[in-house]
Amino acid sequence: MKLTVTGVSKEYADGLTVAKLIELEQVETPEYVTVSVNDEFIRSDTFAETVLKDGDSVEFLYFMGGGAI
């Protein structure tokens, strides 16, 4: 199946979960990543059971805190 991962079209086997995609893409600090699929945020406690579908668009997001000036 084809997925768009962080703006790049890639081929993956059917049945791929968000958790497995994070592993395959070697996402840095996966415990802090937020994932959106087709512009919808996926809860981290459902990564292992969320199966991606052909044509999905996946983004890995990291929220950064700021400090005072």
N, C-alpha and C. Protein backbone atom coordinates (compact mmCIF):
# COMPACT_ATOMS: atom_id res chain seq x y z
N MET A 1 0.84 -1.18 0.00
CA MET A 1 0.00 0.00 0.00
C MET A 1 0.88 1.24 0.00
N LYS A 2 0.34 2.33 -0.52
CA LYS A 2 1.08 3.59 -0.54
C LYS A 2 0.62 4.49 0.60
N LEU A 3 1.59 5.04 1.31
CA LEU A 3 1.34 6.03 2.35
C LEU A 3 2.18 7.27 2.03
N THR A 4 1.71 8.41 2.48
CA THR A 4 2.53 9.61 2.45
C THR A 4 2.98 9.85 3.88
N VAL A 5 4.28 9.73 4.10
CA VAL A 5 4.85 9.87 5.45
C VAL A 5 5.73 11.11 5.46
N THR A 6 5.37 12.06 6.26
CA THR A 6 6.04 13.36 6.34
C THR A 6 6.31 13.94 4.96
N GLY A 7 5.28 13.87 4.12
CA GLY A 7 5.37 14.48 2.80
C GLY A 7 5.99 13.64 1.71
N VAL A 8 6.43 12.42 2.03
CA VAL A 8 7.10 11.56 1.05
C VAL A 8 6.24 10.32 0.81
N SER A 9 5.97 10.01 -0.47
CA SER A 9 5.20 8.82 -0.82
C SER A 9 6.08 7.58 -0.66
N LYS A 10 5.56 6.59 0.07
CA LYS A 10 6.33 5.36 0.33
C LYS A 10 5.42 4.16 0.23
N GLU A 11 6.01 2.99 -0.03
CA GLU A 11 5.28 1.72 -0.10
C GLU A 11 5.52 0.91 1.17
N TYR A 12 4.44 0.33 1.69
CA TYR A 12 4.51 -0.51 2.88
C TYR A 12 3.58 -1.71 2.69
N ALA A 13 3.80 -2.73 3.49
CA ALA A 13 2.93 -3.90 3.47
C ALA A 13 1.57 -3.53 4.07
N ASP A 14 0.53 -4.20 3.61
CA ASP A 14 -0.80 -4.01 4.18
C ASP A 14 -0.81 -4.43 5.64
N GLY A 15 -1.72 -3.86 6.41
CA GLY A 15 -1.86 -4.23 7.82
C GLY A 15 -0.90 -3.51 8.76
N LEU A 16 -0.21 -2.51 8.25
CA LEU A 16 0.77 -1.77 9.05
C LEU A 16 0.07 -0.93 10.11
N THR A 17 0.56 -1.01 11.34
CA THR A 17 0.01 -0.17 12.42
C THR A 17 0.86 1.08 12.58
N VAL A 18 0.31 2.06 13.26
CA VAL A 18 1.06 3.28 13.56
C VAL A 18 2.31 2.93 14.36
N ALA A 19 2.19 2.04 15.34
CA ALA A 19 3.34 1.66 16.16
C ALA A 19 4.47 1.08 15.31
N LYS A 20 4.11 0.21 14.37
CA LYS A 20 5.13 -0.42 13.51
C LYS A 20 5.74 0.62 12.57
N LEU A 21 4.93 1.56 12.08
CA LEU A 21 5.46 2.61 11.21
C LEU A 21 6.47 3.47 11.97
N ILE A 22 6.17 3.79 13.21
CA ILE A 22 7.11 4.56 14.04
C ILE A 22 8.43 3.82 14.13
N GLU A 23 8.36 2.51 14.33
CA GLU A 23 9.57 1.68 14.42
C GLU A 23 10.31 1.66 13.07
N LEU A 24 9.60 1.41 11.99
CA LEU A 24 10.22 1.33 10.66
C LEU A 24 10.86 2.66 10.24
N GLU A 25 10.23 3.76 10.61
CA GLU A 25 10.74 5.08 10.25
C GLU A 25 11.81 5.58 11.23
N GLN A 26 12.11 4.77 12.22
CA GLN A 26 13.13 5.11 13.22
C GLN A 26 12.91 6.51 13.79
N VAL A 27 11.68 6.75 14.23
CA VAL A 27 11.31 8.04 14.80
C VAL A 27 12.09 8.26 16.09
N GLU A 28 12.73 9.43 16.17
CA GLU A 28 13.48 9.78 17.38
C GLU A 28 12.50 10.02 18.52
N THR A 29 12.88 9.63 19.70
CA THR A 29 12.07 9.77 20.92
C THR A 29 10.59 9.46 20.67
N PRO A 30 10.29 8.22 20.28
CA PRO A 30 8.91 7.86 19.96
C PRO A 30 7.94 8.06 21.12
N GLU A 31 8.44 8.06 22.33
CA GLU A 31 7.56 8.27 23.48
C GLU A 31 7.02 9.70 23.55
N TYR A 32 7.62 10.62 22.79
CA TYR A 32 7.18 12.02 22.80
C TYR A 32 6.52 12.45 21.49
N VAL A 33 6.40 11.55 20.53
CA VAL A 33 5.87 11.94 19.23
C VAL A 33 4.34 11.95 19.26
N THR A 34 3.78 12.90 18.54
CA THR A 34 2.34 12.95 18.29
C THR A 34 2.17 12.59 16.82
N VAL A 35 1.19 11.76 16.53
CA VAL A 35 0.98 11.30 15.17
C VAL A 35 -0.38 11.77 14.67
N SER A 36 -0.38 12.29 13.44
CA SER A 36 -1.65 12.59 12.79
C SER A 36 -1.76 11.74 11.54
N VAL A 37 -2.95 11.23 11.32
CA VAL A 37 -3.26 10.46 10.12
C VAL A 37 -4.41 11.18 9.43
N ASN A 38 -4.15 11.63 8.21
CA ASN A 38 -5.16 12.38 7.46
C ASN A 38 -5.66 13.58 8.28
N ASP A 39 -4.72 14.26 8.92
CA ASP A 39 -4.99 15.47 9.71
C ASP A 39 -5.81 15.23 10.98
N GLU A 40 -5.90 13.98 11.43
CA GLU A 40 -6.57 13.67 12.68
C GLU A 40 -5.54 13.08 13.64
N PHE A 41 -5.49 13.63 14.86
CA PHE A 41 -4.54 13.15 15.85
C PHE A 41 -4.94 11.76 16.35
N ILE A 42 -3.94 10.91 16.51
CA ILE A 42 -4.13 9.54 16.99
C ILE A 42 -3.62 9.47 18.43
N ARG A 43 -4.43 8.94 19.32
CA ARG A 43 -4.01 8.81 20.73
C ARG A 43 -2.86 7.80 20.82
N SER A 44 -1.85 8.14 21.59
CA SER A 44 -0.67 7.28 21.67
C SER A 44 -0.98 5.89 22.23
N ASP A 45 -2.01 5.78 23.06
CA ASP A 45 -2.34 4.46 23.60
C ASP A 45 -3.07 3.58 22.58
N THR A 46 -3.31 4.11 21.38
CA THR A 46 -3.94 3.30 20.32
C THR A 46 -3.01 3.05 19.14
N PHE A 47 -1.75 3.47 19.24
CA PHE A 47 -0.80 3.28 18.14
C PHE A 47 -0.70 1.81 17.70
N ALA A 48 -0.67 0.89 18.66
CA ALA A 48 -0.48 -0.53 18.34
C ALA A 48 -1.69 -1.14 17.64
N GLU A 49 -2.85 -0.54 17.80
CA GLU A 49 -4.06 -1.12 17.20
C GLU A 49 -4.61 -0.31 16.03
N THR A 50 -4.00 0.85 15.76
CA THR A 50 -4.47 1.68 14.65
C THR A 50 -3.79 1.23 13.36
N VAL A 51 -4.58 0.62 12.47
CA VAL A 51 -4.07 0.09 11.21
C VAL A 51 -4.22 1.16 10.13
N LEU A 52 -3.15 1.39 9.41
CA LEU A 52 -3.15 2.38 8.34
C LEU A 52 -3.72 1.79 7.07
N LYS A 53 -4.30 2.67 6.23
CA LYS A 53 -4.93 2.24 4.99
C LYS A 53 -4.23 2.88 3.80
N ASP A 54 -4.34 2.23 2.66
CA ASP A 54 -3.76 2.74 1.43
C ASP A 54 -4.21 4.18 1.20
N GLY A 55 -3.25 5.05 0.91
CA GLY A 55 -3.56 6.45 0.65
C GLY A 55 -3.50 7.35 1.87
N ASP A 56 -3.31 6.79 3.07
CA ASP A 56 -3.24 7.61 4.28
C ASP A 56 -2.03 8.54 4.22
N SER A 57 -2.19 9.68 4.87
CA SER A 57 -1.10 10.65 5.02
C SER A 57 -0.76 10.74 6.51
N VAL A 58 0.49 10.47 6.84
CA VAL A 58 0.93 10.40 8.24
C VAL A 58 1.98 11.46 8.50
N GLU A 59 1.81 12.16 9.61
CA GLU A 59 2.79 13.16 10.04
C GLU A 59 3.22 12.85 11.47
N PHE A 60 4.50 13.04 11.75
CA PHE A 60 5.05 12.90 13.10
C PHE A 60 5.32 14.31 13.62
N LEU A 61 4.74 14.64 14.75
CA LEU A 61 4.84 16.00 15.28
C LEU A 61 5.44 15.97 16.69
N TYR A 62 6.25 16.98 16.96
CA TYR A 62 6.83 17.15 18.29
C TYR A 62 6.47 18.54 18.77
N PHE A 63 5.89 18.63 19.94
CA PHE A 63 5.55 19.92 20.50
C PHE A 63 6.71 20.40 21.37
N MET A 64 7.13 21.61 21.11
CA MET A 64 8.27 22.18 21.83
C MET A 64 7.78 23.26 22.79
N GLY A 65 8.27 23.21 23.99
CA GLY A 65 7.94 24.24 24.96
C GLY A 65 8.89 25.41 24.80
N GLY A 66 8.42 26.54 25.17
CA GLY A 66 9.26 27.74 25.07
C GLY A 66 9.59 28.26 26.46
N GLY A 67 10.49 29.19 26.50
CA GLY A 67 10.88 29.80 27.76
C GLY A 67 10.59 31.28 27.76
N ALA A 68 10.85 31.88 28.86
CA ALA A 68 10.65 33.33 28.97
C ALA A 68 11.87 34.05 28.40
N ILE A 69 11.62 35.25 27.93
CA ILE A 69 12.70 36.06 27.36
C ILE A 69 13.47 36.73 28.47
